[in-house]
N, C-alpha and C. Protein backbone atom coordinates (compact mmCIF):
# COMPACT_ATOMS: atom_id res chain seq x y z
N MET A 1 -8.68 -35.67 7.52
CA MET A 1 -9.39 -36.33 8.38
C MET A 1 -9.39 -35.82 10.04
N LEU A 2 -8.06 -35.43 10.30
CA LEU A 2 -7.85 -35.16 11.34
C LEU A 2 -7.95 -33.42 11.51
N ASP A 3 -8.01 -32.71 10.52
CA ASP A 3 -7.70 -31.47 10.41
C ASP A 3 -9.00 -30.73 11.08
N ASN A 4 -10.16 -30.85 11.82
CA ASN A 4 -11.11 -30.60 12.36
C ASN A 4 -10.74 -30.41 14.00
N TYR A 5 -9.45 -31.10 14.19
CA TYR A 5 -9.26 -31.23 16.05
C TYR A 5 -8.03 -30.51 16.18
N GLN A 6 -8.28 -30.22 17.67
CA GLN A 6 -6.87 -29.49 18.03
C GLN A 6 -5.81 -30.45 17.79
N ASP A 7 -4.63 -29.70 18.36
CA ASP A 7 -3.25 -30.44 18.00
C ASP A 7 -3.23 -31.23 19.26
N VAL A 8 -3.45 -31.16 20.08
CA VAL A 8 -3.67 -32.25 21.57
C VAL A 8 -5.05 -32.61 21.93
N LEU A 9 -5.28 -33.81 21.80
CA LEU A 9 -6.67 -34.37 21.74
C LEU A 9 -6.63 -35.06 23.21
N THR A 10 -8.03 -34.97 23.74
CA THR A 10 -8.23 -35.77 24.92
C THR A 10 -8.90 -37.14 24.76
N LEU A 11 -8.98 -38.05 25.82
CA LEU A 11 -9.10 -39.40 25.51
C LEU A 11 -10.26 -39.47 24.88
N ASP A 12 -11.37 -38.63 25.32
CA ASP A 12 -12.87 -38.85 24.63
C ASP A 12 -12.42 -38.49 23.25
N GLU A 13 -12.03 -37.53 23.21
CA GLU A 13 -11.84 -37.12 21.11
C GLU A 13 -11.17 -38.59 20.94
N VAL A 14 -10.07 -39.06 21.28
CA VAL A 14 -9.52 -40.06 20.45
C VAL A 14 -10.16 -41.12 20.37
N CYS A 15 -11.13 -41.24 21.51
CA CYS A 15 -11.81 -42.54 21.50
C CYS A 15 -13.04 -42.17 20.34
N GLN A 16 -13.39 -40.85 20.27
CA GLN A 16 -14.25 -40.85 19.17
C GLN A 16 -13.84 -40.89 17.71
N ILE A 17 -12.42 -40.51 17.46
CA ILE A 17 -11.56 -40.82 16.23
C ILE A 17 -11.22 -42.04 15.76
N LEU A 18 -11.19 -42.78 16.93
CA LEU A 18 -10.63 -44.34 16.08
C LEU A 18 -11.93 -45.16 16.62
N ARG A 19 -13.22 -44.83 17.35
CA ARG A 19 -14.40 -45.52 17.11
C ARG A 19 -14.25 -46.68 18.06
N ILE A 20 -13.30 -46.58 19.28
CA ILE A 20 -13.30 -47.30 20.16
C ILE A 20 -13.59 -47.20 21.31
N ASN A 21 -13.81 -47.71 22.29
CA ASN A 21 -14.20 -47.54 24.05
C ASN A 21 -12.63 -47.08 24.69
N ARG A 22 -13.22 -46.49 25.94
CA ARG A 22 -12.08 -46.25 26.89
C ARG A 22 -11.33 -47.25 27.38
N LYS A 23 -11.53 -48.40 27.37
CA LYS A 23 -10.96 -49.68 27.73
C LYS A 23 -10.03 -49.87 26.99
N THR A 24 -10.22 -49.94 25.82
CA THR A 24 -9.39 -50.32 24.57
C THR A 24 -8.06 -49.07 24.50
N LEU A 25 -8.49 -48.01 24.52
CA LEU A 25 -8.02 -47.34 24.72
C LEU A 25 -6.65 -46.81 25.68
N ARG A 26 -6.99 -47.37 26.65
CA ARG A 26 -6.11 -47.48 28.20
C ARG A 26 -5.37 -48.75 27.72
N TYR A 27 -5.77 -49.78 26.67
CA TYR A 27 -4.77 -50.43 26.33
C TYR A 27 -3.82 -50.05 25.51
N LEU A 28 -4.12 -49.26 24.64
CA LEU A 28 -3.52 -48.80 23.78
C LEU A 28 -2.37 -47.95 24.04
N ILE A 29 -2.37 -47.37 25.36
CA ILE A 29 -1.63 -46.48 25.75
C ILE A 29 -0.87 -47.15 26.87
N ASN A 30 -1.36 -48.55 27.62
CA ASN A 30 -0.31 -48.92 28.28
C ASN A 30 0.37 -49.84 27.91
N SER A 31 0.18 -50.19 26.66
CA SER A 31 0.87 -51.03 25.50
C SER A 31 2.04 -50.51 24.86
N GLY A 32 2.08 -48.82 25.02
CA GLY A 32 2.97 -48.14 24.28
C GLY A 32 2.52 -48.28 22.91
N GLN A 33 1.94 -48.85 22.19
CA GLN A 33 1.05 -48.34 21.16
C GLN A 33 0.83 -46.88 20.55
N LEU A 34 0.45 -46.02 21.45
CA LEU A 34 -0.32 -45.10 21.39
C LEU A 34 0.47 -44.12 22.00
N PRO A 35 1.35 -43.03 22.07
CA PRO A 35 2.23 -42.78 22.96
C PRO A 35 1.37 -41.13 23.30
N TYR A 36 1.40 -41.14 24.70
CA TYR A 36 0.51 -39.97 25.37
C TYR A 36 1.60 -38.97 26.31
N ARG A 37 1.15 -37.89 26.87
CA ARG A 37 1.48 -37.17 28.06
C ARG A 37 0.44 -37.12 28.91
N LYS A 38 1.06 -37.37 30.37
CA LYS A 38 0.35 -36.76 31.47
C LYS A 38 1.04 -35.33 31.89
N ILE A 39 -0.24 -34.85 32.06
CA ILE A 39 -0.31 -33.73 32.81
C ILE A 39 -1.00 -33.51 34.12
N GLY A 40 -0.61 -33.65 35.17
CA GLY A 40 -1.17 -33.66 36.43
C GLY A 40 -2.26 -35.40 36.36
N ARG A 41 -3.44 -35.10 36.43
CA ARG A 41 -4.11 -36.42 36.40
C ARG A 41 -4.53 -36.76 34.82
N ILE A 42 -4.27 -35.79 33.86
CA ILE A 42 -5.02 -35.90 32.79
C ILE A 42 -4.28 -36.28 31.76
N TYR A 43 -4.80 -37.19 30.48
CA TYR A 43 -3.76 -37.78 30.03
C TYR A 43 -4.40 -36.86 28.47
N ARG A 44 -3.20 -36.53 27.50
CA ARG A 44 -3.29 -35.90 26.61
C ARG A 44 -2.45 -36.58 25.58
N ILE A 45 -2.86 -36.85 24.08
CA ILE A 45 -2.71 -37.83 23.12
C ILE A 45 -2.25 -36.61 21.80
N SER A 46 -1.29 -36.52 21.25
CA SER A 46 -1.06 -35.84 20.30
C SER A 46 -1.68 -35.99 18.68
N ARG A 47 -2.56 -35.35 17.97
CA ARG A 47 -3.05 -35.73 16.68
C ARG A 47 -2.42 -36.07 16.02
N ASP A 48 -0.71 -35.64 15.90
CA ASP A 48 0.11 -36.80 14.97
C ASP A 48 0.18 -38.04 15.66
N ALA A 49 0.19 -38.47 16.62
CA ALA A 49 0.21 -39.80 17.06
C ALA A 49 -1.11 -40.79 16.80
N VAL A 50 -1.86 -40.15 16.64
CA VAL A 50 -3.27 -40.87 16.41
C VAL A 50 -3.28 -40.61 15.11
N SER A 51 -2.81 -40.13 14.23
CA SER A 51 -2.47 -40.08 12.83
C SER A 51 -1.64 -41.18 12.10
N GLN A 52 -0.71 -41.13 12.98
CA GLN A 52 0.35 -42.46 12.89
C GLN A 52 0.16 -43.79 13.48
N TYR A 53 -0.49 -43.77 14.42
CA TYR A 53 -0.97 -45.15 14.58
C TYR A 53 -2.35 -45.99 13.87
N ILE A 54 -2.83 -44.46 13.03
CA ILE A 54 -4.14 -44.79 12.00
C ILE A 54 -3.55 -45.25 10.79
N ASP A 55 -2.22 -44.86 10.23
CA ASP A 55 -1.85 -45.39 9.28
C ASP A 55 -0.63 -46.34 9.50
N ALA A 56 -0.05 -46.87 10.99
CA ALA A 56 0.07 -48.06 10.98
C ALA A 56 -0.57 -48.96 11.12
N SER A 57 -2.03 -48.94 11.56
CA SER A 57 -3.11 -50.00 11.49
C SER A 57 -3.43 -49.95 10.25
N LEU A 58 -3.75 -49.22 9.01
CA LEU A 58 -3.88 -49.41 7.81
C LEU A 58 -2.80 -50.47 7.09
N VAL A 59 -1.10 -50.20 7.47
CA VAL A 59 -0.40 -50.90 6.96
C VAL A 59 -0.33 -52.55 7.34
N ASN A 60 -0.61 -52.47 8.39
CA ASN A 60 -0.71 -53.71 8.97
C ASN A 60 -2.15 -54.96 8.97
N SER A 61 -3.04 -53.98 8.62
CA SER A 61 -4.17 -55.05 7.89
C SER A 61 -3.80 -55.53 6.45
């Protein structure tokens, strides 16, 4: 599913993958549900972290 994406994703790419808006993504980041790295003022999220979040969401639903 995520094979078409780079190893490190932008916030817009993560929103597109998860089909959520930026406000919801900020909530996931701030609540610790989705780990990230901040480089200067730019947030980056690993493809593996998104994949793990999706897997965890499927198990909990």
